[in-house]
Amino acid sequence: MNKKWLVLLMALIMVTSLLAGCTEKQEVVETDKVEVVEEVSFPLMIVDGLGNEVTIEKKPEKIVSIAPSQTEILFALGLENRIIAVSDYCDYPVAALEKEKVGSSWTTNTERIIELEPDLVFVYGEGQPEAMEQLAAVGITIVRYMPETVDAIFETISATGKITGEEAAAAKLVKEMEEKRDAIVNKLKDQPKVKVFYQVWDEPLMTAGPGSFIDELIQLAGGENIAADAEGAWPMYSVEALVEKNPEVFLAPAHVGENMNLTAEEQVVLIDTIKARPGFDQISAVINNRVELLEPNIVSRPGARIIDALELLAKTIHPELF
């Protein structure tokens, strides 16, 4: 897999130290009712998103995140002051830009991370094997998550809250996200499905297939993913199949290479470039000017803004309802 595709997947497009055995109580507020959450105690043994058993020795006060999606979750839980470093690609919220940068999931600056002596490092997927081995060898605790469904993203947020001793904040965030998701889905429930193609990459042409969170978002947003029968979550897709399936809406993240901040003029050029590809003039989406660009980091990160991504897709697929 080349670096360009890895960049996309990653873009696609990822939580006061306590003495051992000490505990704390938290509250979850639900409408007019206060529910007391079970006590959180450390050391805490958890199973991370990849099935690894991990022991969190104490409440983490120094956290490193080398996954943009995970960084967004940490900020959403109010943990800004406990984040000591993030990846080169962590750019949201704006405060993340002020954090020290320690590489990425495939170019991890292990020397600097070791110098920072974090209590915990969050990684997207397996991470860079050699770097993970080096961190583990010096006793740094690593937790890995790579959610590929909306429910798995909710579970990742809940797990992050538990790991960091912020279960109440996580429960509140998940509840708000669930309610917003349900409201959007309910608004679309009686609408006809619109055939959609989502471009993950241009050359080679790649899309979001079954098992990807983008495929689920398209369905929840009132679309029919024409690549739902493709092989794998992020498959290559032929122009012939694209023309045959004839999508009504063609979606693509608004980026060129690693440039994620296109100007309005650059976005127009990108749309024109897509329309001009051989064979694309036969597609309904091109004929009817429904080639739509989406903010790349919102739709590509399985994190705290995933329901914002759903809302963006819903507005793009069914603009008449919003």
C-alpha atoms as a PDB file:
ATOM      1  CA  MET A   1       0.000   0.000   0.000  1.00  0.00           C
ATOM      2  CA  ASN A   2       1.559   3.316  -1.028  1.00  0.00           C
ATOM      3  CA  LYS A   3       2.005   6.302   1.225  1.00  0.00           C
ATOM      4  CA  LYS A   4      -0.634   8.311  -0.626  1.00  0.00           C
ATOM      5  CA  TRP A   5      -3.307   5.705   0.173  1.00  0.00           C
ATOM      6  CA  LEU A   6      -2.090   5.408   3.764  1.00  0.00           C
ATOM      7  CA  VAL A   7      -2.397   9.171   4.138  1.00  0.00           C
ATOM      8  CA  LEU A   8      -5.997   8.969   2.978  1.00  0.00           C
ATOM      9  CA  LEU A   9      -6.916   6.097   5.249  1.00  0.00           C
ATOM     10  CA  MET A  10      -5.482   7.950   8.111  1.00  0.00           C
ATOM     11  CA  ALA A  11      -7.170  11.034   6.919  1.00  0.00           C
ATOM     12  CA  LEU A  12     -10.095   8.686   6.620  1.00  0.00           C
ATOM     13  CA  ILE A  13     -10.475  10.124   6.575  1.00  0.00           C
ATOM     14  CA  MET A  14      -8.839   8.108  14.190  1.00  0.00           C
ATOM     15  CA  VAL A  15      -7.889   9.387  25.984  1.00  0.00           C
ATOM     16  CA  THR A  16      -3.363  14.576  38.535  1.00  0.00           C
ATOM     17  CA  SER A  17      -2.086  10.932  38.483  1.00  0.00           C
ATOM     18  CA  LEU A  18      -3.997   8.784  40.984  1.00  0.00           C
ATOM     19  CA  LEU A  19      -2.446   6.249  43.372  1.00  0.00           C
ATOM     20  CA  ALA A  20      -3.101   2.621  42.543  1.00  0.00           C
ATOM     21  CA  GLY A  21      -6.533   1.579  43.721  1.00  0.00           C
ATOM     22  CA  CYS A  22      -7.964   5.062  44.232  1.00  0.00           C
ATOM     23  CA  THR A  23     -11.475   5.782  42.950  1.00  0.00           C
ATOM     24  CA  GLU A  24     -13.745   8.615  41.925  1.00  0.00           C
ATOM     25  CA  LYS A  25     -17.485   9.083  41.377  1.00  0.00           C
ATOM     26  CA  GLN A  26     -19.100  10.805  38.414  1.00  0.00           C
ATOM     27  CA  GLU A  27     -22.584  11.861  37.440  1.00  0.00           C
ATOM     28  CA  VAL A  28     -24.453  11.523  34.196  1.00  0.00           C
ATOM     29  CA  VAL A  29     -27.272  14.035  33.735  1.00  0.00           C
ATOM     30  CA  GLU A  30     -30.231  12.719  31.722  1.00  0.00           C
ATOM     31  CA  THR A  31     -32.966  15.350  31.265  1.00  0.00           C
ATOM     32  CA  ASP A  32     -34.152  15.988  34.841  1.00  0.00           C
ATOM     33  CA  LYS A  33     -32.635  12.847  36.338  1.00  0.00           C
ATOM     34  CA  VAL A  34     -29.167  12.376  37.825  1.00  0.00           C
ATOM     35  CA  GLU A  35     -27.666   8.915  37.534  1.00  0.00           C
ATOM     36  CA  VAL A  36     -24.582   7.944  39.520  1.00  0.00           C
ATOM     37  CA  VAL A  37     -22.066   6.075  37.376  1.00  0.00           C
ATOM     38  CA  GLU A  38     -20.186   3.154  38.901  1.00  0.00           C
ATOM     39  CA  GLU A  39     -16.909   4.091  40.532  1.00  0.00           C
ATOM     40  CA  VAL A  40     -13.858   4.205  38.280  1.00  0.00           C
ATOM     41  CA  SER A  41     -10.819   2.596  39.860  1.00  0.00           C
ATOM     42  CA  PHE A  42      -7.215   2.323  38.781  1.00  0.00           C
ATOM     43  CA  PRO A  43      -5.339   0.189  37.892  1.00  0.00           C
ATOM     44  CA  LEU A  44      -7.943  -0.475  35.202  1.00  0.00           C
ATOM     45  CA  MET A  45      -7.838  -3.398  32.765  1.00  0.00           C
ATOM     46  CA  ILE A  46      -9.540  -2.739  29.432  1.00  0.00           C
ATOM     47  CA  VAL A  47      -9.794  -4.440  26.052  1.00  0.00           C
ATOM     48  CA  ASP A  48      -9.042  -1.894  23.329  1.00  0.00           C
ATOM     49  CA  GLY A  49     -10.618  -1.620  19.894  1.00  0.00           C
ATOM     50  CA  LEU A  50      -8.319  -4.252  18.394  1.00  0.00           C
ATOM     51  CA  GLY A  51      -8.933  -6.780  21.167  1.00  0.00           C
ATOM     52  CA  ASN A  52      -5.733  -6.157  23.120  1.00  0.00           C
ATOM     53  CA  GLU A  53      -5.858  -6.412  26.908  1.00  0.00           C
ATOM     54  CA  VAL A  54      -4.327  -3.237  28.331  1.00  0.00           C
ATOM     55  CA  THR A  55      -3.798  -2.210  31.958  1.00  0.00           C
ATOM     56  CA  ILE A  56      -4.120   1.506  32.705  1.00  0.00           C
ATOM     57  CA  GLU A  57      -2.065   1.840  35.874  1.00  0.00           C
ATOM     58  CA  LYS A  58      -3.346   5.265  36.903  1.00  0.00           C
ATOM     59  CA  LYS A  59      -5.631   8.004  35.714  1.00  0.00           C
ATOM     60  CA  PRO A  60      -3.759   9.364  32.675  1.00  0.00           C
ATOM     61  CA  GLU A  61      -2.677  12.959  33.043  1.00  0.00           C
ATOM     62  CA  LYS A  62      -0.164  13.061  30.161  1.00  0.00           C
ATOM     63  CA  ILE A  63      -1.733  11.842  26.926  1.00  0.00           C
ATOM     64  CA  VAL A  64      -0.313  11.563  23.419  1.00  0.00           C
ATOM     65  CA  SER A  65      -2.615  10.979  20.446  1.00  0.00           C
ATOM     66  CA  ILE A  66      -1.233  10.072  17.045  1.00  0.00           C
ATOM     67  CA  ALA A  67      -4.701   9.676  15.524  1.00  0.00           C
ATOM     68  CA  PRO A  68      -6.680  12.753  14.397  1.00  0.00           C
ATOM     69  CA  SER A  69     -10.023  11.056  15.101  1.00  0.00           C
ATOM     70  CA  GLN A  70      -8.923  10.170  18.625  1.00  0.00           C
ATOM     71  CA  THR A  71      -7.582  13.675  19.221  1.00  0.00           C
ATOM     72  CA  GLU A  72     -11.006  15.077  18.351  1.00  0.00           C
ATOM     73  CA  ILE A  73     -12.622  12.699  20.849  1.00  0.00           C
ATOM     74  CA  LEU A  74     -10.209  13.750  23.597  1.00  0.00           C
ATOM     75  CA  PHE A  75     -10.915  17.434  23.001  1.00  0.00           C
ATOM     76  CA  ALA A  76     -14.668  16.778  22.905  1.00  0.00           C
ATOM     77  CA  LEU A  77     -14.367  15.188  26.350  1.00  0.00           C
ATOM     78  CA  GLY A  78     -12.695  18.317  27.719  1.00  0.00           C
ATOM     79  CA  LEU A  79      -9.224  16.808  28.027  1.00  0.00           C
ATOM     80  CA  GLU A  80      -7.292  19.574  26.291  1.00  0.00           C
ATOM     81  CA  ASN A  81      -5.033  20.244  29.297  1.00  0.00           C
ATOM     82  CA  ARG A  82      -4.047  16.589  29.543  1.00  0.00           C
ATOM     83  CA  ILE A  83      -3.003  16.245  25.894  1.00  0.00           C
ATOM     84  CA  ILE A  84       0.747  16.835  25.643  1.00  0.00           C
ATOM     85  CA  ALA A  85       1.329  15.945  21.982  1.00  0.00           C
ATOM     86  CA  VAL A  86      -0.568  14.960  18.842  1.00  0.00           C
ATOM     87  CA  SER A  87       0.114  13.790  15.295  1.00  0.00           C
ATOM     88  CA  ASP A  88       1.164  16.031  12.425  1.00  0.00           C
ATOM     89  CA  TYR A  89      -2.342  15.666  10.974  1.00  0.00           C
ATOM     90  CA  CYS A  90      -4.287  16.682  14.086  1.00  0.00           C
ATOM     91  CA  ASP A  91      -5.776  20.030  13.077  1.00  0.00           C
ATOM     92  CA  TYR A  92      -9.173  20.090  14.828  1.00  0.00           C
ATOM     93  CA  PRO A  93     -10.175  21.801  16.978  1.00  0.00           C
ATOM     94  CA  VAL A  94      -7.907  24.791  16.395  1.00  0.00           C
ATOM     95  CA  ALA A  95      -6.335  24.238  19.818  1.00  0.00           C
ATOM     96  CA  ALA A  96      -4.889  20.961  18.516  1.00  0.00           C
ATOM     97  CA  LEU A  97      -2.614  22.970  16.227  1.00  0.00           C
ATOM     98  CA  GLU A  98      -0.909  24.408  19.308  1.00  0.00           C
ATOM     99  CA  LYS A  99       0.051  20.992  20.657  1.00  0.00           C
ATOM    100  CA  GLU A 100       3.496  19.536  20.037  1.00  0.00           C
ATOM    101  CA  LYS A 101       3.648  17.318  16.949  1.00  0.00           C
ATOM    102  CA  VAL A 102       5.164  13.830  17.119  1.00  0.00           C
ATOM    103  CA  GLY A 103       4.811  12.473  13.594  1.00  0.00           C
ATOM    104  CA  SER A 104       1.998  10.209  12.476  1.00  0.00           C
ATOM    105  CA  SER A 105       0.826   6.624  12.613  1.00  0.00           C
ATOM    106  CA  TRP A 106       3.390   5.627   9.990  1.00  0.00           C
ATOM    107  CA  THR A 107       6.202   8.110  10.785  1.00  0.00           C
ATOM    108  CA  THR A 108       6.059   8.130  14.569  1.00  0.00           C
ATOM    109  CA  ASN A 109       8.681  10.155  16.445  1.00  0.00           C
ATOM    110  CA  THR A 110       9.291   7.566  19.137  1.00  0.00           C
ATOM    111  CA  GLU A 111      12.318   9.348  20.589  1.00  0.00           C
ATOM    112  CA  ARG A 112      10.305  12.456  21.372  1.00  0.00           C
ATOM    113  CA  ILE A 113       7.346  10.499  22.723  1.00  0.00           C
ATOM    114  CA  ILE A 114       9.670   8.615  25.084  1.00  0.00           C
ATOM    115  CA  GLU A 115      11.184  11.926  26.229  1.00  0.00           C
ATOM    116  CA  LEU A 116       7.698  13.269  27.015  1.00  0.00           C
ATOM    117  CA  GLU A 117       7.012  10.276  29.321  1.00  0.00           C
ATOM    118  CA  PRO A 118       3.263  10.034  28.575  1.00  0.00           C
ATOM    119  CA  ASP A 119       0.928   7.974  30.737  1.00  0.00           C
ATOM    120  CA  LEU A 120      -0.931   6.866  27.629  1.00  0.00           C
ATOM    121  CA  VAL A 121      -0.602   6.878  23.837  1.00  0.00           C
ATOM    122  CA  PHE A 122      -3.636   6.564  21.546  1.00  0.00           C
ATOM    123  CA  VAL A 123      -3.044   4.988  18.135  1.00  0.00           C
ATOM    124  CA  TYR A 124      -5.265   4.458  15.094  1.00  0.00           C
ATOM    125  CA  GLY A 125      -5.227   0.798  14.095  1.00  0.00           C
ATOM    126  CA  GLU A 126      -2.012  -1.143  14.581  1.00  0.00           C
ATOM    127  CA  GLY A 127       0.200   1.906  14.112  1.00  0.00           C
ATOM    128  CA  GLN A 128       3.786   1.665  12.894  1.00  0.00           C
ATOM    129  CA  PRO A 129       4.977  -1.755  14.185  1.00  0.00           C
ATOM    130  CA  GLU A 130       8.574  -0.793  14.977  1.00  0.00           C
ATOM    131  CA  ALA A 131       7.503   2.391  16.729  1.00  0.00           C
ATOM    132  CA  MET A 132       4.913   0.538  18.811  1.00  0.00           C
ATOM    133  CA  GLU A 133       7.520  -2.040  19.833  1.00  0.00           C
ATOM    134  CA  GLN A 134       9.917   0.702  20.932  1.00  0.00           C
ATOM    135  CA  LEU A 135       7.254   2.454  23.010  1.00  0.00           C
ATOM    136  CA  ALA A 136       6.086  -0.791  24.608  1.00  0.00           C
ATOM    137  CA  ALA A 137       9.696  -1.765  25.374  1.00  0.00           C
ATOM    138  CA  VAL A 138      10.116   1.255  27.655  1.00  0.00           C
ATOM    139  CA  GLY A 139       6.796   0.623  29.405  1.00  0.00           C
ATOM    140  CA  ILE A 140       4.609   3.199  27.660  1.00  0.00           C
ATOM    141  CA  THR A 141       0.942   2.185  27.632  1.00  0.00           C
ATOM    142  CA  ILE A 142      -0.653   2.058  24.174  1.00  0.00           C
ATOM    143  CA  VAL A 143      -4.338   1.744  23.299  1.00  0.00           C
ATOM    144  CA  ARG A 144      -5.554   1.207  19.750  1.00  0.00           C
ATOM    145  CA  TYR A 145      -8.904   1.958  18.120  1.00  0.00           C
ATOM    146  CA  MET A 146     -10.080   1.749  14.503  1.00  0.00           C
ATOM    147  CA  PRO A 147     -13.917   1.959  14.516  1.00  0.00           C
ATOM    148  CA  GLU A 148     -15.707   1.222  11.247  1.00  0.00           C
ATOM    149  CA  THR A 149     -19.345   1.731  12.268  1.00  0.00           C
ATOM    150  CA  VAL A 150     -21.215   4.541  13.968  1.00  0.00           C
ATOM    151  CA  ASP A 151     -21.937   2.316  16.981  1.00  0.00           C
ATOM    152  CA  ALA A 152     -18.247   1.368  17.164  1.00  0.00           C
ATOM    153  CA  ILE A 153     -17.389   5.074  17.207  1.00  0.00           C
ATOM    154  CA  PHE A 154     -19.822   5.565  20.100  1.00  0.00           C
ATOM    155  CA  GLU A 155     -18.152   2.623  21.873  1.00  0.00           C
ATOM    156  CA  THR A 156     -14.728   4.182  21.279  1.00  0.00           C
ATOM    157  CA  ILE A 157     -15.896   7.450  22.835  1.00  0.00           C
ATOM    158  CA  SER A 158     -17.334   5.576  25.840  1.00  0.00           C
ATOM    159  CA  ALA A 159     -14.122   3.567  26.218  1.00  0.00           C
ATOM    160  CA  THR A 160     -12.028   6.735  26.012  1.00  0.00           C
ATOM    161  CA  GLY A 161     -14.145   8.250  28.770  1.00  0.00           C
ATOM    162  CA  LYS A 162     -13.621   5.204  30.967  1.00  0.00           C
ATOM    163  CA  ILE A 163      -9.869   5.058  30.318  1.00  0.00           C
ATOM    164  CA  THR A 164      -9.395   8.730  31.172  1.00  0.00           C
ATOM    165  CA  GLY A 165     -11.770   8.796  34.132  1.00  0.00           C
ATOM    166  CA  GLU A 166     -14.274  10.945  32.214  1.00  0.00           C
ATOM    167  CA  GLU A 167     -17.183   8.517  31.868  1.00  0.00           C
ATOM    168  CA  ALA A 168     -19.838  11.138  32.584  1.00  0.00           C
ATOM    169  CA  ALA A 169     -18.584  13.443  29.828  1.00  0.00           C
ATOM    170  CA  ALA A 170     -18.425  10.511  27.396  1.00  0.00           C
ATOM    171  CA  ALA A 171     -21.939   9.339  28.249  1.00  0.00           C
ATOM    172  CA  LYS A 172     -23.293  12.856  27.725  1.00  0.00           C
ATOM    173  CA  LEU A 173     -21.519  13.226  24.386  1.00  0.00           C
ATOM    174  CA  VAL A 174     -22.705   9.851  23.089  1.00  0.00           C
ATOM    175  CA  LYS A 175     -26.289  10.582  24.143  1.00  0.00           C
ATOM    176  CA  GLU A 176     -26.250  13.904  22.280  1.00  0.00           C
ATOM    177  CA  MET A 177     -24.803  12.251  19.184  1.00  0.00           C
ATOM    178  CA  GLU A 178     -27.355   9.437  19.264  1.00  0.00           C
ATOM    179  CA  GLU A 179     -30.217  11.915  19.538  1.00  0.00           C
ATOM    180  CA  LYS A 180     -28.917  13.973  16.616  1.00  0.00           C
ATOM    181  CA  ARG A 181     -28.429  10.843  14.505  1.00  0.00           C
ATOM    182  CA  ASP A 182     -31.950   9.645  15.232  1.00  0.00           C
ATOM    183  CA  ALA A 183     -33.433  13.046  14.366  1.00  0.00           C
ATOM    184  CA  ILE A 184     -31.657  13.086  10.992  1.00  0.00           C
ATOM    185  CA  VAL A 185     -32.637   9.505  10.174  1.00  0.00           C
ATOM    186  CA  ASN A 186     -36.249  10.169  11.158  1.00  0.00           C
ATOM    187  CA  LYS A 187     -36.352  13.189   8.858  1.00  0.00           C
ATOM    188  CA  LEU A 188     -35.265  11.008   5.934  1.00  0.00           C
ATOM    189  CA  LYS A 189     -37.276   7.863   6.646  1.00  0.00           C
ATOM    190  CA  ASP A 190     -39.979   8.402   4.004  1.00  0.00           C
ATOM    191  CA  GLN A 191     -37.695   9.721   1.269  1.00  0.00           C
ATOM    192  CA  PRO A 192     -36.727   7.707  -1.826  1.00  0.00           C
ATOM    193  CA  LYS A 193     -33.162   6.455  -1.843  1.00  0.00           C
ATOM    194  CA  VAL A 194     -30.705   8.335  -4.037  1.00  0.00           C
ATOM    195  CA  LYS A 195     -27.932   6.397  -5.792  1.00  0.00           C
ATOM    196  CA  VAL A 196     -24.578   7.657  -4.521  1.00  0.00           C
ATOM    197  CA  PHE A 197     -20.918   7.080  -5.339  1.00  0.00           C
ATOM    198  CA  TYR A 198     -18.253   8.186  -2.852  1.00  0.00           C
ATOM    199  CA  GLN A 199     -14.748   8.743  -4.200  1.00  0.00           C
ATOM    200  CA  VAL A 200     -12.080   7.956  -1.644  1.00  0.00           C
ATOM    201  CA  TRP A 201      -9.201   8.385  -4.092  1.00  0.00           C
ATOM    202  CA  ASP A 202      -8.924   9.338  -7.756  1.00  0.00           C
ATOM    203  CA  GLU A 203      -6.006   7.401  -9.272  1.00  0.00           C
ATOM    204  CA  PRO A 204      -6.626   4.547  -8.919  1.00  0.00           C
ATOM    205  CA  LEU A 205     -10.335   5.158  -8.387  1.00  0.00           C
ATOM    206  CA  MET A 206     -11.228   3.962  -4.883  1.00  0.00           C
ATOM    207  CA  THR A 207     -14.483   4.070  -2.979  1.00  0.00           C
ATOM    208  CA  ALA A 208     -16.171   3.261   0.334  1.00  0.00           C
ATOM    209  CA  GLY A 209     -17.513  -0.276   0.247  1.00  0.00           C
ATOM    210  CA  PRO A 210     -19.407  -2.518   2.658  1.00  0.00           C
ATOM    211  CA  GLY A 211     -18.060  -2.504   6.198  1.00  0.00           C
ATOM    212  CA  SER A 212     -16.827   1.086   6.040  1.00  0.00           C
ATOM    213  CA  PHE A 213     -18.311   3.818   8.204  1.00  0.00           C
ATOM    214  CA  ILE A 214     -18.828   5.974   5.100  1.00  0.00           C
ATOM    215  CA  ASP A 215     -21.005   3.259   3.555  1.00  0.00           C
ATOM    216  CA  GLU A 216     -23.115   3.307   6.722  1.00  0.00           C
ATOM    217  CA  LEU A 217     -23.309   7.109   6.677  1.00  0.00           C
ATOM    218  CA  ILE A 218     -24.535   7.086   3.076  1.00  0.00           C
ATOM    219  CA  GLN A 219     -27.311   4.666   4.003  1.00  0.00           C
ATOM    220  CA  LEU A 220     -28.321   6.632   7.103  1.00  0.00           C
ATOM    221  CA  ALA A 221     -28.311   9.825   5.019  1.00  0.00           C
ATOM    222  CA  GLY A 222     -30.934   8.499   2.618  1.00  0.00           C
ATOM    223  CA  GLY A 223     -28.550   7.274  -0.044  1.00  0.00           C
ATOM    224  CA  GLU A 224     -27.950   3.984  -1.791  1.00  0.00           C
ATOM    225  CA  ASN A 225     -24.232   3.279  -2.054  1.00  0.00           C
ATOM    226  CA  ILE A 226     -23.673   1.853  -5.530  1.00  0.00           C
ATOM    227  CA  ALA A 227     -20.495   0.182  -4.214  1.00  0.00           C
ATOM    228  CA  ALA A 228     -22.358  -1.669  -1.450  1.00  0.00           C
ATOM    229  CA  ASP A 229     -21.662  -4.962  -3.253  1.00  0.00           C
ATOM    230  CA  ALA A 230     -17.951  -4.291  -3.791  1.00  0.00           C
ATOM    231  CA  GLU A 231     -15.281  -6.430  -2.160  1.00  0.00           C
ATOM    232  CA  GLY A 232     -13.901  -4.869   0.999  1.00  0.00           C
ATOM    233  CA  ALA A 233     -14.375  -1.651   2.903  1.00  0.00           C
ATOM    234  CA  TRP A 234     -12.084   0.476   0.695  1.00  0.00           C
ATOM    235  CA  PRO A 235     -11.972  -1.183  -2.750  1.00  0.00           C
ATOM    236  CA  MET A 236     -10.741  -0.003  -6.121  1.00  0.00           C
ATOM    237  CA  TYR A 237     -13.631   0.644  -8.499  1.00  0.00           C
ATOM    238  CA  SER A 238     -13.735   0.579 -12.280  1.00  0.00           C
ATOM    239  CA  VAL A 239     -15.106   3.356 -14.459  1.00  0.00           C
ATOM    240  CA  GLU A 240     -17.110   0.690 -16.295  1.00  0.00           C
ATOM    241  CA  ALA A 241     -18.888  -0.319 -13.085  1.00  0.00           C
ATOM    242  CA  LEU A 242     -19.409   3.343 -12.206  1.00  0.00           C
ATOM    243  CA  VAL A 243     -21.081   4.056 -15.548  1.00  0.00           C
ATOM    244  CA  GLU A 244     -23.182   0.897 -15.304  1.00  0.00           C
ATOM    245  CA  LYS A 245     -24.440   1.717 -11.793  1.00  0.00           C
ATOM    246  CA  ASN A 246     -25.029   5.350 -12.879  1.00  0.00           C
ATOM    247  CA  PRO A 247     -25.013   7.285  -9.563  1.00  0.00           C
ATOM    248  CA  GLU A 248     -27.288  10.285  -9.188  1.00  0.00           C
ATOM    249  CA  VAL A 249     -24.861  11.982  -6.815  1.00  0.00           C
ATOM    250  CA  PHE A 250     -21.059  11.794  -6.991  1.00  0.00           C
ATOM    251  CA  LEU A 251     -19.374  12.677  -3.692  1.00  0.00           C
ATOM    252  CA  ALA A 252     -15.704  13.385  -3.149  1.00  0.00           C
ATOM    253  CA  PRO A 253     -13.671  14.900  -0.301  1.00  0.00           C
ATOM    254  CA  ALA A 254     -12.453  18.410  -1.135  1.00  0.00           C
ATOM    255  CA  HIS A 255      -8.752  17.719  -1.305  1.00  0.00           C
ATOM    256  CA  VAL A 256      -6.000  17.331  -3.862  1.00  0.00           C
ATOM    257  CA  GLY A 257      -3.253  15.033  -2.628  1.00  0.00           C
ATOM    258  CA  GLU A 258      -2.487  16.098   0.912  1.00  0.00           C
ATOM    259  CA  ASN A 259      -3.913  19.614   0.457  1.00  0.00           C
ATOM    260  CA  MET A 260      -7.030  19.578   2.627  1.00  0.00           C
ATOM    261  CA  ASN A 261      -7.762  23.313   2.438  1.00  0.00           C
ATOM    262  CA  LEU A 262      -8.817  24.077  -1.114  1.00  0.00           C
ATOM    263  CA  THR A 263      -9.924  27.571  -2.043  1.00  0.00           C
ATOM    264  CA  ALA A 264     -13.311  28.075  -3.714  1.00  0.00           C
ATOM    265  CA  GLU A 265     -11.531  28.403  -7.052  1.00  0.00           C
ATOM    266  CA  GLU A 266      -9.569  25.180  -6.485  1.00  0.00           C
ATOM    267  CA  GLN A 267     -12.783  23.366  -5.619  1.00  0.00           C
ATOM    268  CA  VAL A 268     -14.345  24.458  -8.919  1.00  0.00           C
ATOM    269  CA  VAL A 269     -11.265  23.165 -10.743  1.00  0.00           C
ATOM    270  CA  LEU A 270     -11.499  19.838  -8.918  1.00  0.00           C
ATOM    271  CA  ILE A 271     -15.181  19.414  -9.821  1.00  0.00           C
ATOM    272  CA  ASP A 272     -14.410  20.225 -13.468  1.00  0.00           C
ATOM    273  CA  THR A 273     -11.541  17.719 -13.403  1.00  0.00           C
ATOM    274  CA  ILE A 274     -13.843  14.983 -12.116  1.00  0.00           C
ATOM    275  CA  LYS A 275     -16.470  15.748 -14.763  1.00  0.00           C
ATOM    276  CA  ALA A 276     -13.849  15.653 -17.525  1.00  0.00           C
ATOM    277  CA  ARG A 277     -12.626  12.116 -16.798  1.00  0.00           C
ATOM    278  CA  PRO A 278     -13.136   9.646 -19.669  1.00  0.00           C
ATOM    279  CA  GLY A 279     -16.576   8.052 -19.489  1.00  0.00           C
ATOM    280  CA  PHE A 280     -17.861  10.294 -16.716  1.00  0.00           C
ATOM    281  CA  ASP A 281     -19.997  12.303 -19.137  1.00  0.00           C
ATOM    282  CA  GLN A 282     -22.393   9.332 -19.185  1.00  0.00           C
ATOM    283  CA  ILE A 283     -23.105   9.497 -15.450  1.00  0.00           C
ATOM    284  CA  SER A 284     -26.334  11.105 -14.201  1.00  0.00           C
ATOM    285  CA  ALA A 285     -24.470  12.931 -11.437  1.00  0.00           C
ATOM    286  CA  VAL A 286     -22.263  14.646 -14.023  1.00  0.00           C
ATOM    287  CA  ILE A 287     -25.066  15.298 -16.503  1.00  0.00           C
ATOM    288  CA  ASN A 288     -27.206  16.902 -13.763  1.00  0.00           C
ATOM    289  CA  ASN A 289     -24.343  18.785 -12.068  1.00  0.00           C
ATOM    290  CA  ARG A 290     -24.489  16.797  -8.852  1.00  0.00           C
ATOM    291  CA  VAL A 291     -20.774  16.306  -8.314  1.00  0.00           C
ATOM    292  CA  GLU A 292     -20.427  17.476  -4.707  1.00  0.00           C
ATOM    293  CA  LEU A 293     -17.330  18.109  -2.613  1.00  0.00           C
ATOM    294  CA  LEU A 294     -17.347  17.501   1.135  1.00  0.00           C
ATOM    295  CA  GLU A 295     -15.106  18.885   3.884  1.00  0.00           C
ATOM    296  CA  PRO A 296     -12.498  16.106   3.965  1.00  0.00           C
ATOM    297  CA  ASN A 297     -11.650  15.907   7.645  1.00  0.00           C
ATOM    298  CA  ILE A 298     -15.260  15.804   8.812  1.00  0.00           C
ATOM    299  CA  VAL A 299     -16.236  12.897   6.585  1.00  0.00           C
ATOM    300  CA  SER A 300     -12.978  10.945   6.832  1.00  0.00           C
ATOM    301  CA  ARG A 301     -12.483  10.793  10.605  1.00  0.00           C
ATOM    302  CA  PRO A 302     -14.373   8.235  12.710  1.00  0.00           C
ATOM    303  CA  GLY A 303     -14.502  10.446  15.764  1.00  0.00           C
ATOM    304  CA  ALA A 304     -16.539  13.004  17.678  1.00  0.00           C
ATOM    305  CA  ARG A 305     -17.798  14.757  14.521  1.00  0.00           C
ATOM    306  CA  ILE A 306     -19.190  11.635  12.832  1.00  0.00           C
ATOM    307  CA  ILE A 307     -22.789  12.814  13.210  1.00  0.00           C
ATOM    308  CA  ASP A 308     -21.800  16.169  11.750  1.00  0.00           C
ATOM    309  CA  ALA A 309     -20.563  14.115   8.796  1.00  0.00           C
ATOM    310  CA  LEU A 310     -23.933  12.354   8.638  1.00  0.00           C
ATOM    311  CA  GLU A 311     -25.723  15.703   8.612  1.00  0.00           C
ATOM    312  CA  LEU A 312     -23.430  16.980   5.854  1.00  0.00           C
ATOM    313  CA  LEU A 313     -24.105  13.899   3.725  1.00  0.00           C
ATOM    314  CA  ALA A 314     -27.859  14.114   4.337  1.00  0.00           C
ATOM    315  CA  LYS A 315     -27.940  17.780   3.274  1.00  0.00           C
ATOM    316  CA  THR A 316     -25.923  16.965   0.168  1.00  0.00           C
ATOM    317  CA  ILE A 317     -27.991  13.936  -0.875  1.00  0.00           C
ATOM    318  CA  HIS A 318     -31.381  15.405   0.067  1.00  0.00           C
ATOM    319  CA  PRO A 319     -30.917  19.212  -0.103  1.00  0.00           C
ATOM    320  CA  GLU A 320     -34.667  19.686  -0.501  1.00  0.00           C
ATOM    321  CA  LEU A 321     -35.190  18.669   3.135  1.00  0.00           C
ATOM    322  CA  PHE A 322     -32.674  20.998   4.750  1.00  0.00           C
END
